[in-house]
Each structure stands twice: as structure tokens, then as C-alpha cells.
Protein backbone atom coordinates (compact mmCIF):
# COMPACT_ATOMS: atom_id res chain seq x y z
CA UNK A 1 0.00 0.00 0.00
CA UNK A 2 2.94 2.34 0.60
CA UNK A 3 3.96 2.06 -3.05
CA UNK A 4 0.39 2.66 -4.23
CA UNK A 5 0.14 5.80 -2.10
CA UNK A 6 3.44 7.23 -3.37
CA UNK A 7 2.42 6.58 -7.00
CA UNK A 8 -1.00 8.18 -6.40
CA UNK A 9 0.58 11.37 -5.01
CA UNK A 10 2.96 11.58 -7.96
CA UNK A 11 0.12 11.06 -10.43
CA UNK A 12 -2.14 13.73 -8.85
CA UNK A 13 0.64 16.21 -7.97
CA UNK A 14 -0.48 16.10 -4.35
CA UNK A 15 2.14 16.38 -1.61
CA UNK A 16 0.98 14.35 1.40
CA UNK A 17 -1.17 11.32 2.08
CA UNK A 18 -1.93 8.58 4.58
CA UNK A 19 -4.09 5.48 4.81
CA UNK A 20 -5.93 4.15 7.87
CA UNK A 21 -7.32 0.60 8.08
CA UNK A 22 -10.00 -0.15 10.64
CA UNK A 23 -9.44 -2.74 13.36
CA UNK A 24 -12.46 -3.87 15.34
CA UNK A 25 -15.36 -1.57 16.09
CA UNK A 26 -13.47 1.56 17.22
CA UNK A 27 -9.86 0.82 16.32
CA UNK A 28 -7.61 1.82 13.46
CA UNK A 29 -4.04 1.44 12.24
CA UNK A 30 -1.82 3.66 10.11
CA UNK A 31 -0.64 1.37 7.30
CA UNK A 32 0.89 3.84 4.82
CA UNK A 33 1.98 7.49 4.72
CA UNK A 34 4.03 9.81 2.53
CA UNK A 35 5.48 13.29 3.11
CA UNK A 36 3.70 13.92 6.39
CA UNK A 37 4.46 17.36 7.86
CA UNK A 38 6.91 17.32 10.81
CA UNK A 39 4.13 18.02 13.31
CA UNK A 40 2.48 14.68 12.49
CA UNK A 41 5.80 12.74 12.48
CA UNK A 42 6.81 13.56 16.07
CA UNK A 43 7.42 10.71 18.49
CA UNK A 44 7.33 8.05 15.80
CA UNK A 45 4.14 9.52 14.25
CA UNK A 46 2.29 9.44 17.56
CA UNK A 47 -0.36 11.97 16.40
CA UNK A 48 -1.31 9.52 13.63
CA UNK A 49 -1.59 6.55 15.99
CA UNK A 50 -3.32 7.93 19.07
CA UNK A 51 -6.83 9.30 19.49
CA UNK A 52 -9.39 9.51 16.74
CA UNK A 53 -10.40 12.35 14.44
CA UNK A 54 -13.46 13.89 12.81
CA UNK A 55 -13.18 11.88 9.57
CA UNK A 56 -12.88 8.55 11.45
CA UNK A 57 -15.84 9.38 13.69
CA UNK A 58 -17.96 10.16 10.61
CA UNK A 59 -16.88 6.91 9.00
CA UNK A 60 -17.66 4.82 12.09
CA UNK A 61 -21.06 6.52 12.32
CA UNK A 62 -21.75 5.50 8.68
CA UNK A 63 -22.12 9.17 7.72
CA UNK A 64 -19.21 9.15 5.29
CA UNK A 65 -20.30 7.31 2.17
CA UNK A 66 -18.24 9.04 -0.55
CA UNK A 67 -15.12 11.14 -1.04
CA UNK A 68 -15.26 14.64 0.50
CA UNK A 69 -13.01 17.62 1.18
CA UNK A 70 -12.37 18.07 4.88
CA UNK A 71 -12.65 21.80 5.63
CA UNK A 72 -10.21 21.42 8.48
CA UNK A 73 -8.18 18.39 9.61
CA UNK A 74 -8.54 17.83 13.33
CA UNK A 75 -5.05 16.34 13.65
CA UNK A 76 -3.48 19.32 11.89
CA UNK A 77 -5.58 21.70 13.98
CA UNK A 78 -4.35 20.03 17.20
CA UNK A 79 -0.77 20.19 15.96
CA UNK A 80 -1.06 23.97 15.55
CA UNK A 81 -2.86 24.49 18.87
CA UNK A 82 -0.35 22.41 20.84
CA UNK A 83 2.72 23.58 18.93
CA UNK A 84 3.82 20.11 17.84
CA UNK A 85 5.84 21.51 14.97
CA UNK A 86 5.58 22.61 11.36
CA UNK A 87 2.49 21.63 9.39
CA UNK A 88 3.96 22.96 6.11
CA UNK A 89 0.73 24.99 5.67
CA UNK A 90 -1.25 21.79 5.15
CA UNK A 91 -4.77 22.50 6.41
CA UNK A 92 -7.25 20.59 4.25
CA UNK A 93 -7.33 17.12 2.75
CA UNK A 94 -9.65 14.90 0.80
CA UNK A 95 -11.06 11.96 2.76
CA UNK A 96 -12.01 8.91 0.69
CA UNK A 97 -13.77 5.90 2.29
CA UNK A 98 -12.35 2.49 1.43
CA UNK A 99 -15.52 0.40 1.34
CA UNK A 100 -16.02 -2.86 -0.55
CA UNK A 101 -19.47 -4.45 -0.84
CA UNK A 102 -20.68 -2.61 2.24
CA UNK A 103 -17.71 -3.56 4.39
CA UNK A 104 -15.89 -0.51 5.77
CA UNK A 105 -12.17 -1.18 5.54
CA UNK A 106 -10.48 2.21 6.07
CA UNK A 107 -9.81 5.77 4.86
CA UNK A 108 -7.54 7.34 2.24
CA UNK A 109 -6.51 10.95 3.01
CA UNK A 110 -4.54 13.14 0.55
CA UNK A 111 -3.79 16.84 0.37
CA UNK A 112 -1.34 19.65 -0.47
CA UNK A 113 -0.47 22.95 1.21
CA UNK A 114 -2.84 25.69 0.03
CA UNK A 115 -5.29 23.28 -1.66
CA UNK A 116 -8.67 23.98 -0.10
CA UNK A 117 -11.04 22.21 -2.46
CA UNK A 118 -11.11 19.05 -4.61
CA UNK A 119 -13.21 18.95 -7.77
CA UNK A 120 -15.83 16.29 -8.36
CA UNK A 121 -13.58 14.81 -11.05
CA UNK A 122 -10.65 14.62 -8.61
CA UNK A 123 -12.82 13.04 -5.93
CA UNK A 124 -14.21 10.50 -8.41
CA UNK A 125 -10.66 9.54 -9.41
CA UNK A 126 -9.66 9.20 -5.76
CA UNK A 127 -12.71 6.97 -5.15
CA UNK A 128 -11.63 4.66 -7.99
CA UNK A 129 -8.15 4.41 -6.48
CA UNK A 130 -9.66 3.75 -3.04
CA UNK A 131 -11.75 0.96 -4.57
CA UNK A 132 -8.60 -0.65 -5.97
CA UNK A 133 -6.92 -0.32 -2.58
CA UNK A 134 -9.99 -1.85 -0.92
CA UNK A 135 -9.99 -4.74 -3.37
CA UNK A 136 -6.33 -5.42 -2.57
CA UNK A 137 -7.04 -5.20 1.16
CA UNK A 138 -9.94 -7.62 0.77
CA UNK A 139 -7.74 -10.10 -1.09
CA UNK A 140 -5.10 -9.87 1.62
CA UNK A 141 -7.71 -10.42 4.32
CA UNK A 142 -9.13 -13.42 2.49
CA UNK A 143 -5.64 -14.84 2.07
CA UNK A 144 -4.90 -14.30 5.76
CA UNK A 145 -8.18 -15.98 6.67
CA UNK A 146 -7.33 -18.96 4.48
CA UNK A 147 -3.85 -19.10 5.99
CA UNK A 148 -5.32 -18.86 9.48
CA UNK A 149 -7.80 -21.62 8.71
CA UNK A 150 -5.00 -23.73 7.26
CA UNK A 151 -2.93 -23.21 10.40
CA UNK A 152 -5.94 -24.05 12.58
CA UNK A 153 -6.68 -27.15 10.50
CA UNK A 154 -3.03 -28.24 10.72
CA UNK A 155 -3.02 -27.60 14.45
CA UNK A 156 -6.14 -29.72 14.90
CA UNK A 157 -4.61 -32.39 12.64
CA UNK A 158 -1.40 -32.50 14.70
CA UNK A 159 -3.23 -32.48 18.04
CA UNK A 160 -5.55 -35.27 16.83
CA UNK A 161 -2.62 -37.30 15.47
CA UNK A 162 -0.67 -36.98 18.71
CA UNK A 163 -3.75 -37.80 20.78
CA UNK A 164 -4.27 -41.01 18.80
CA UNK A 165 -0.55 -41.75 18.93
CA UNK A 166 -0.57 -41.36 22.70
CA UNK A 167 -3.57 -43.69 22.98
CA UNK A 168 -1.88 -46.37 20.85
CA UNK A 169 1.41 -46.10 22.73
CA UNK A 170 -0.22 -46.45 26.14
CA UNK A 171 -2.02 -49.61 25.00
CA UNK A 172 1.12 -51.16 23.46
CA UNK A 173 3.28 -50.50 26.51
CA UNK A 174 0.91 -52.61 28.63
CA UNK A 175 1.59 -55.74 26.54
CA UNK A 176 4.17 -58.40 27.34
CA UNK A 177 3.70 -60.72 24.33
CA UNK A 178 5.43 -59.75 21.08
CA UNK A 179 2.94 -61.36 18.69
CA UNK A 180 -0.07 -59.82 20.44
CA UNK A 181 1.73 -56.48 20.48
CA UNK A 182 2.44 -56.63 16.74
CA UNK A 183 -1.16 -57.50 15.93
CA UNK A 184 -2.50 -54.78 18.24
CA UNK A 185 -0.09 -52.22 16.74
CA UNK A 186 -1.12 -52.73 13.10
CA UNK A 187 -4.81 -52.94 14.05
CA UNK A 188 -4.76 -49.72 16.10
CA UNK A 189 -2.73 -47.77 13.55
CA UNK A 190 -4.90 -48.95 10.66
CA UNK A 191 -8.23 -48.19 12.33
CA UNK A 192 -7.36 -44.93 14.11
CA UNK A 193 -5.39 -43.31 11.30
CA UNK A 194 -7.41 -44.71 8.41
CA UNK A 195 -4.61 -46.57 6.59
CA UNK A 196 -5.76 -49.28 4.19
CA UNK A 197 -2.73 -51.49 4.91
CA UNK A 198 -0.41 -51.59 7.92
CA UNK A 199 2.23 -54.29 8.39
CA UNK A 200 5.26 -55.07 10.54
CA UNK A 201 8.20 -57.11 9.29
CA UNK A 202 10.98 -58.27 11.63
CA UNK A 203 14.38 -59.70 10.81
CA UNK A 204 14.64 -63.35 11.76
CA UNK A 205 17.67 -65.45 10.93
CA UNK A 206 19.08 -62.81 8.55
CA UNK A 207 15.80 -62.44 6.66
CA UNK A 208 12.86 -60.04 6.91
CA UNK A 209 9.60 -61.84 7.51
CA UNK A 210 6.05 -60.53 7.78
CA UNK A 211 4.82 -60.84 11.39
CA UNK A 212 1.47 -59.00 11.41
CA UNK A 213 -0.74 -57.20 8.89
CA UNK A 214 -3.91 -55.08 8.89
CA UNK A 215 -5.66 -55.14 5.52
CA UNK A 216 -9.23 -54.48 4.34
CA UNK A 217 -10.37 -53.90 7.92
CA UNK A 218 -9.01 -57.22 9.20
CA UNK A 219 -5.94 -58.01 11.29
CA UNK A 220 -4.00 -61.24 11.38
CA UNK A 221 -0.70 -62.53 12.64
CA UNK A 222 1.68 -63.95 10.09
CA UNK A 223 5.00 -65.69 9.68
CA UNK A 224 5.66 -65.51 5.98
CA UNK A 225 7.78 -64.00 3.26
CA UNK A 226 7.08 -60.35 2.40
CA UNK A 227 4.28 -59.82 -0.16
CA UNK A 228 5.52 -58.63 -3.54
CA UNK A 229 3.68 -55.29 -3.33
CA UNK A 230 5.71 -54.17 -0.29
CA UNK A 231 8.92 -56.19 -0.58
CA UNK A 232 11.21 -53.71 -2.39
CA UNK A 233 10.20 -50.71 -0.28
CA UNK A 234 10.48 -52.59 3.03
CA UNK A 235 13.86 -54.12 2.17
CA UNK A 236 15.19 -50.73 1.02
CA UNK A 237 14.09 -49.03 4.26
CA UNK A 238 15.70 -51.81 6.30
CA UNK A 239 18.90 -51.81 4.28
CA UNK A 240 19.38 -48.01 4.34
CA UNK A 241 17.78 -47.46 7.77
CA UNK A 242 15.88 -44.49 6.30
CA UNK A 243 12.22 -43.66 5.65
CA UNK A 244 11.32 -44.66 2.10
CA UNK A 245 8.27 -43.54 0.08
CA UNK A 246 6.37 -44.94 -2.87
CA UNK A 247 4.45 -42.07 -4.54
CA UNK A 248 4.44 -43.02 -8.21
CA UNK A 249 0.89 -41.94 -9.05
CA UNK A 250 -0.07 -45.54 -9.87
CA UNK A 251 -0.88 -48.00 -7.15
CA UNK A 252 -1.03 -47.10 -3.46
CA UNK A 253 0.89 -44.36 -1.70
CA UNK A 254 3.16 -46.20 0.74
CA UNK A 255 5.80 -45.47 3.34
CA UNK A 256 8.26 -47.83 5.06
CA UNK A 257 9.84 -46.78 8.35
CA UNK A 258 12.74 -48.66 9.94
CA UNK A 259 12.24 -50.03 13.45
CA UNK A 260 15.50 -49.85 15.37
CA UNK A 261 14.87 -53.00 17.39
CA UNK A 262 17.37 -55.58 18.63
CA UNK A 263 17.25 -57.47 15.32
CA UNK A 264 15.80 -54.60 13.18
CA UNK A 265 12.45 -54.42 11.43
CA UNK A 266 10.17 -52.20 9.34
CA UNK A 267 6.74 -50.61 9.79
CA UNK A 268 4.89 -50.42 6.43
CA UNK A 269 1.80 -48.26 5.76
CA UNK A 270 -0.14 -47.61 2.56
CA UNK A 271 -3.31 -45.88 1.37
CA UNK A 272 -4.99 -45.50 -2.00
CA UNK A 273 -4.85 -41.70 -2.28
CA UNK A 274 -3.24 -38.50 -0.96
CA UNK A 275 0.55 -38.13 -0.90
CA UNK A 276 2.45 -37.59 2.32
CA UNK A 277 2.95 -34.21 3.95
CA UNK A 278 6.20 -33.34 5.70
CA UNK A 279 4.56 -32.96 9.11
CA UNK A 280 2.81 -36.31 8.65
CA UNK A 281 6.11 -38.06 7.97
CA UNK A 282 7.60 -36.56 11.12
CA UNK A 283 4.66 -37.86 13.15
CA UNK A 284 4.98 -41.29 11.51
CA UNK A 285 8.67 -41.31 12.42
CA UNK A 286 7.68 -40.75 16.05
CA UNK A 287 5.05 -43.49 15.71
CA UNK A 288 7.72 -45.93 14.49
CA UNK A 289 9.93 -44.96 17.44
CA UNK A 290 7.06 -45.70 19.84
CA UNK A 291 6.48 -49.12 18.26
CA UNK A 292 10.22 -49.78 18.58
CA UNK A 293 10.16 -48.84 22.27
CA UNK A 294 7.18 -51.14 22.89
CA UNK A 295 8.92 -54.05 21.11
CA UNK A 296 12.15 -53.53 23.02
CA UNK A 297 10.22 -53.33 26.29
CA UNK A 298 8.62 -56.74 25.55
CA UNK A 299 11.97 -58.23 24.53
CA UNK A 300 13.63 -57.05 27.74
CA UNK A 301 10.65 -58.25 29.77
CA UNK A 302 10.89 -61.72 28.22
CA UNK A 303 14.65 -61.82 28.80
CA UNK A 304 14.03 -60.83 32.41
CA UNK A 305 11.40 -63.61 32.73
CA UNK A 306 13.86 -66.12 31.27
CA UNK A 307 16.51 -65.04 33.77
CA UNK A 308 14.03 -65.41 36.63
CA UNK A 309 12.90 -68.81 35.30
CA UNK A 310 16.49 -70.00 34.95
CA UNK A 311 17.28 -68.88 38.49
CA UNK A 312 14.18 -70.63 39.83
CA UNK A 313 14.96 -73.84 37.91
CA UNK A 314 18.52 -73.78 39.24
CA UNK A 315 17.22 -73.24 42.77
CA UNK A 316 14.80 -76.16 42.45
CA UNK A 317 17.50 -78.38 40.97
CA UNK A 318 19.87 -77.55 43.85
CA UNK A 319 17.19 -78.16 46.47
CA UNK A 320 16.17 -81.47 44.90
CA UNK A 321 19.80 -82.55 44.68
CA UNK A 322 20.65 -81.48 48.22
CA UNK A 323 17.51 -82.84 49.89
CA UNK A 324 15.35 -85.38 48.05
CA UNK A 325 18.16 -86.84 45.93
CA UNK A 326 20.45 -87.35 48.94
CA UNK A 327 17.65 -88.87 51.00
CA UNK A 328 16.77 -91.32 48.23
CA UNK A 329 20.44 -92.26 47.96
CA UNK A 330 20.61 -92.79 51.74
CA UNK A 331 17.41 -94.84 51.67
CA UNK A 332 18.85 -97.04 48.93
CA UNK A 333 22.06 -97.64 50.91
CA UNK A 334 20.08 -98.34 54.08
CA UNK A 335 17.83 -100.83 52.29
CA UNK A 336 20.85 -102.64 50.84
CA UNK A 337 22.44 -102.85 54.29
CA UNK A 338 19.29 -104.26 55.86
CA UNK A 339 18.91 -106.74 53.00
CA UNK A 340 22.49 -107.98 53.44
CA UNK A 341 21.80 -108.50 57.13
CA UNK A 342 18.40 -110.19 56.73
CA UNK A 343 18.76 -112.25 53.53
CA UNK A 344 19.88 -115.46 55.28
CA UNK A 345 17.53 -115.50 58.24
CA UNK A 346 14.44 -113.53 57.20
CA UNK A 347 13.78 -114.26 53.55
CA UNK A 348 10.39 -112.53 53.30
CA UNK A 349 11.68 -109.43 55.06
CA UNK A 350 14.75 -109.48 52.84
CA UNK A 351 12.60 -109.65 49.72
CA UNK A 352 10.51 -106.70 50.91
CA UNK A 353 13.62 -104.71 51.68
CA UNK A 354 15.00 -105.63 48.25
CA UNK A 355 11.85 -104.19 46.69
CA UNK A 356 12.28 -101.00 48.74
CA UNK A 357 15.83 -100.72 47.41
CA UNK A 358 14.65 -101.24 43.84
CA UNK A 359 11.98 -98.55 44.17
CA UNK A 360 14.49 -96.19 45.80
CA UNK A 361 16.97 -96.77 42.97
CA UNK A 362 14.25 -96.17 40.39
CA UNK A 363 13.12 -92.99 42.16
CA UNK A 364 16.74 -91.87 42.38
CA UNK A 365 17.16 -92.32 38.63
CA UNK A 366 13.99 -90.39 37.93
CA UNK A 367 15.10 -87.63 40.31
CA UNK A 368 18.45 -87.30 38.52
CA UNK A 369 16.59 -87.10 35.22
CA UNK A 370 14.31 -84.40 36.59
CA UNK A 371 17.25 -82.41 37.97
CA UNK A 372 18.96 -82.61 34.56
CA UNK A 373 15.82 -81.37 32.81
CA UNK A 374 15.59 -78.45 35.21
CA UNK A 375 18.91 -77.16 33.97
CA UNK A 376 18.27 -74.09 31.77
CA UNK A 377 18.85 -74.67 28.08
CA UNK A 378 21.79 -72.41 27.16
CA UNK A 379 22.04 -70.91 23.72
CA UNK A 380 25.17 -72.12 21.99
CA UNK A 381 25.09 -75.56 23.63
CA UNK A 382 25.51 -78.26 21.00
CA UNK A 383 22.08 -79.78 20.29
CA UNK A 384 23.30 -83.33 19.68
CA UNK A 385 25.64 -83.27 22.67
CA UNK A 386 22.73 -82.20 24.87
CA UNK A 387 20.74 -85.28 23.83
CA UNK A 388 23.73 -87.59 24.31
CA UNK A 389 24.46 -86.20 27.78
CA UNK A 390 20.87 -86.74 28.83
CA UNK A 391 20.83 -90.31 27.50
CA UNK A 392 24.02 -91.01 29.44
CA UNK A 393 22.50 -89.48 32.59
CA UNK A 394 19.56 -91.89 32.56
CA UNK A 395 21.62 -94.90 31.48
CA UNK A 396 20.69 -95.21 27.79
CA UNK A 397 22.91 -95.93 24.83
CA UNK A 398 21.87 -93.43 22.15
CA UNK A 399 22.50 -93.50 18.39
CA UNK A 400 21.81 -90.28 16.46
CA UNK A 401 21.48 -89.68 12.71
CA UNK A 402 20.87 -86.31 11.02
CA UNK A 403 20.83 -85.33 7.35
CA UNK A 404 22.32 -81.90 8.20
CA UNK A 405 23.87 -80.03 11.10
CA UNK A 406 21.00 -79.24 13.47
CA UNK A 407 20.64 -75.46 13.98
CA UNK A 408 17.26 -74.25 15.18
CA UNK A 409 15.61 -71.19 16.62
CA UNK A 410 15.50 -71.24 20.41
CA UNK A 411 11.82 -72.26 20.87
CA UNK A 412 12.12 -75.10 18.33
CA UNK A 413 15.38 -76.43 19.78
CA UNK A 414 13.95 -76.44 23.30
CA UNK A 415 10.80 -78.27 22.15
CA UNK A 416 12.83 -80.94 20.29
CA UNK A 417 15.06 -81.48 23.33
CA UNK A 418 12.13 -81.82 25.73
CA UNK A 419 10.23 -84.20 23.41
CA UNK A 420 13.35 -86.34 22.94
CA UNK A 421 13.96 -86.39 26.70
CA UNK A 422 10.40 -87.52 27.40
CA UNK A 423 10.64 -90.21 24.73
CA UNK A 424 13.97 -91.46 26.15
CA UNK A 425 12.43 -91.53 29.64
CA UNK A 426 9.75 -93.86 28.27
CA UNK A 427 12.40 -96.11 26.75
CA UNK A 428 14.31 -96.24 30.04
CA UNK A 429 11.22 -96.94 32.19
CA UNK A 430 8.94 -99.04 29.99
CA UNK A 431 10.71 -100.50 26.94
CA UNK A 432 12.97 -103.02 28.76
CA UNK A 433 15.92 -101.99 26.60
CA UNK A 434 18.91 -99.71 27.03
CA UNK A 435 19.25 -98.80 23.37
CA UNK A 436 17.42 -96.08 21.46
CA UNK A 437 17.85 -94.23 18.18
CA UNK A 438 17.06 -90.64 17.16
CA UNK A 439 16.90 -89.60 13.51
CA UNK A 440 16.51 -86.03 12.21
CA UNK A 441 15.42 -85.21 8.65
CA UNK A 442 14.78 -81.78 7.14
CA UNK A 443 13.10 -80.16 4.16
CA UNK A 444 12.51 -76.48 3.36
CA UNK A 445 9.76 -76.06 5.94
CA UNK A 446 9.87 -78.94 8.40
CA UNK A 447 12.12 -80.92 10.70
CA UNK A 448 11.07 -84.48 11.52
CA UNK A 449 12.47 -86.20 14.60
CA UNK A 450 11.96 -89.93 15.19
CA UNK A 451 12.79 -91.56 18.53
CA UNK A 452 12.70 -95.36 18.19
CA UNK A 453 13.53 -98.44 20.21
CA UNK A 454 13.23 -102.20 19.77
CA UNK A 455 11.79 -102.81 23.22
CA UNK A 456 8.59 -104.49 24.28
CA UNK A 457 6.21 -101.86 22.87
CA UNK A 458 2.62 -101.28 23.93
CA UNK A 459 -0.91 -101.25 22.54
CA UNK A 460 -2.93 -98.16 21.68
CA UNK A 461 -5.26 -98.92 24.61
CA UNK A 462 -2.32 -99.00 27.00
CA UNK A 463 -1.05 -95.72 25.60
CA UNK A 464 -4.42 -94.06 26.17
CA UNK A 465 -4.69 -95.42 29.72
CA UNK A 466 -1.12 -94.46 30.63
CA UNK A 467 -0.84 -91.23 28.62
CA UNK A 468 0.20 -89.21 31.66
CA UNK A 469 2.86 -91.64 32.90
CA UNK A 470 4.20 -92.02 29.37
CA UNK A 471 4.42 -88.22 28.95
CA UNK A 472 2.49 -88.41 25.67
CA UNK A 473 0.23 -85.49 26.57
CA UNK A 474 3.13 -83.13 27.24
CA UNK A 475 4.90 -84.19 24.03
CA UNK A 476 1.74 -83.58 22.02
CA UNK A 477 1.20 -80.18 23.67
CA UNK A 478 4.74 -79.08 22.83
CA UNK A 479 4.38 -80.00 19.16
CA UNK A 480 0.95 -78.40 18.79
CA UNK A 481 2.12 -75.17 20.47
CA UNK A 482 4.61 -74.71 17.63
CA UNK A 483 2.19 -75.76 14.90
CA UNK A 484 3.49 -79.31 14.52
CA UNK A 485 2.16 -82.84 14.97
CA UNK A 486 3.04 -85.97 16.96
CA UNK A 487 2.51 -89.60 15.85
CA UNK A 488 3.11 -92.78 17.84
CA UNK A 489 3.60 -96.20 16.30
CA UNK A 490 4.04 -99.14 18.69
CA UNK A 491 3.55 -102.89 18.63
CA UNK A 492 3.98 -105.31 21.48
CA UNK A 493 7.27 -107.14 21.23
CA UNK A 494 8.55 -105.02 18.32
CA UNK A 495 9.18 -101.60 19.86
CA UNK A 496 7.99 -98.03 19.52
CA UNK A 497 8.55 -95.10 17.14
CA UNK A 498 7.58 -91.58 18.24
CA UNK A 499 7.59 -89.06 15.36
CA UNK A 500 7.47 -85.30 15.95
CA UNK A 501 7.10 -83.03 12.91
CA UNK A 502 7.69 -79.31 13.58
CA UNK A 503 7.94 -76.19 11.37
CA UNK A 504 11.42 -74.68 11.01
CA UNK A 505 9.88 -71.20 11.09
CA UNK A 506 7.26 -70.13 13.61
CA UNK A 507 3.76 -70.71 12.30
CA UNK A 508 0.94 -68.18 12.61
CA UNK A 509 -1.06 -68.82 15.75
CA UNK A 510 -4.73 -67.98 15.86
């Protein structure tokens, strides 16, 4: 507006001018001025900023509808009366209302020393200029309103996003199971933020695998290779540890955000329309950090539980060894001593004592087996050596065959060891043989373990009646927990084969 005012004065050969814009009901602001007399420039133009004047009062009262010549300017009159300084003989000015479509926006005042009257033609020209100024002011106000609305909308958007983010984070931090956490994370993010697809992939055994996905309003756990539609983007984000976008204009808009977990992973989100805004990406980065924190919290919690479990198992093993095991050993020695003393004179008593010794020895063997099983399974311990040591502990001669070096994830290795131990216990207690064989075969998805003996075997009816003592229920539970199966083949007089088939990778659990 300053430039417009200067050009107007040059075009009309007028010397001074100023523009007021209204603010509120009784407020105004000086927005432009040119060649004001010294009396009006004092104290940083204080006379132009403080108090009102006759022309403003007329305008506020809606009594100034068109351009007029002010017979005397109140501000200039006050400057003379109060000796504020030189007015350069400026006494009169034209006052032109800046009004657009009935909205009063401000006033345009122009004048020159000695000019007491403006012609109708001059006033009409000034009105046309004021209209152009008003149009420009209106455009600026509309732009500012749009900007203000945009800022308000963005503020609401950010507040809403952070509110939802806070809600999701609080829920995730309460969970102590990784799979449930992953499924809850993709479900909450998909539903609350309106994403069509949300997925989490985690690195397992040097390979990214899909662990949970929200798609078409449904959530499911997974343990599978990455779908083709997201594979390149997810692998790139993981490899470069940077946010990566897919905004090609065809297909969905997608973003992959690295999760800086213990093993690394990626959070993938996609929608059918609308590209990503910078502020949205920053919020999504924070969202990925919160998911990472929740995952690490669960991992640390599970490690802590494992430490507590290992300590408790060690404590139980020590107590059993120091108390029950020693007492059984003492009972066995005592029974043998009594039998030696009574075998020649008290045959029936000696036989009973012999039976006590046998039971004590059997209980002692079972106790040693239990103590061995209570030892925590340490990562890095050789799988085959673990089985051989256990067989030796319970007095079995074990033969092992494997078509490849056995290397398994922790949960699978532990399940195979426990199933093999239970099967060897059965051989030791029921098969009437001290020999057993374990074979391991592998394909791309499965490991099959067979524990066989050539002992006395049993019938299906016996197996059902003695399922608990044979440990069949616990073996079956372990295989089914990992998505596998257990089969038992036995025939009286020919022996038994227990076959456990388990997935090499964790299966989806419903």
C-alpha cells in the first residue's frame, strides 16, 4: 500500500497522504503514509496513531459514504494548537472511504499545502483508487483468513494425530507378548489413522519376515515372506535405515519406516490416495519410534522372565539334589544294608527290603533325570551333545542320525530337546531296553524327529490309559504349540517309534 500511495501522489501532484485501516469496532491502524508534515511525524508519528479524528468518527457513524473535502483536519488543527511543529501549511485534505461491498475497511486521506477544495472529477478519481486499494485489502484479508484456517486445520490435525498416537502407545506398553503387540499395533494404527494397509516385518535369521498385517479392515498374525507389493520398499528401508516412500501416481501411496529393534524391522503403511505431507512423515517417524520402544520393552521383559525362570529352575535343581536326591540315595544304601543282614535268616523281610531298594533306585534315577531337565537350556550348547548327555545321565545308549547339522531357533530347539527327553524316559522306564535311536530329517519347511527303540512296545489302549505316565500329553502339547504334529507307532514285542514333525519357522497362531 505504501507504493500505491506514493504513486498516487505523484500522479495527482499532491504532496501528502496517509491510509488508515480499521481494526475492530473503534480501532484503526496507520498502514501507509508519505510526506507527512513534521508536526504529524513527532514521536514516531504518535499523532497519527493515538486518538481519533473527525473523519474517522464520521466513517464509524456511517455518515461518510463518498469522497469529500475536509474543511479542516482535526489532527493538523491540534498540531497547531499544541505547537507540535511545522504543518507545512497543510490544512485541508480529501477523505475517501475504502468500502467494498458494504464492508468498511479504512480511509484514504490526501492533500497539499494551500489546496482547499477538490473537484468532483478529482474526488471520483480518488474513489476509484480507493476501490482498488480496498480490493487489494480484501484479497489480503481473504488470504490471511485462508492461511489462518489452514494453520488451525493443521493444528487440529497435529493435536488429533498426537492424541491417537498417545492412545496407541499407552495400550502397546501394557503388553508383554510380542505377537499380540504386533497385531495390536497394526490394528490400532490402521483403524485410528485410516490406513488401508499396515504391516510389521521383523528380521529373523538374517531375513525379513512378515509378522502381522492389517488389511481391508481385518488383522491377522503372520510368519511368511514379504508380499511382492511391499517387498522392495520394506527391504530398502531396512537396508538403508531411512524412511522410504512410494508415490508413483499408480498404485497405493506407501511409506516404510525402519524399526531400530534388537534385530531390526520395518513398519509399512499404505493408502490408496493422498501423498504424504512433511509434518505427517515426522509424526509417523515418532510413531515408528514408539512401536520400537514397545517391542524392546517386551523383549527385555521376556529376557528378564527367562533369567528369573532359569534362576528358579537352578534353585529347584539344587534343592532337589541337596535334599530329596540325597535322602533317596541314603534310603537305597540303608535298604541294601538291611537286606544284606536279613537275607539269610528272614527271607520274606529281605525280599521286601529288596523291593524297597529297587523302588528307591528307580526314584533316584527319575530324580536325577528331573534335575537334569531343570537345567536351563543355554544358547550355543551343541544340540546333539545335549541329547547324548541326557541319555548317558539316565543310562541309555543313544545312536543319532541327522541329514544336516541341526541349527534351530530357540523355541524349536527347546521343544525338540524336551520331546526327545520324554521319549527317552519312556524307553528307560517301559521298553525293557537300554538302546534307542534318534533320527533327524529336514526339508525347506519342516524338521522331523523320530525316537525309536526295539523294546517291548505297547498297545494303543495301553497308551491311552497311561498317557500321563508315558508323557504323551506333554509331548503332544509341545508339538501343537509350535504348529506341529506328533505320531506314535508301537507294537507289542517289536518296539515303539515316536515321530514329531515341527515347522522350522514359527507358524501363525490364531
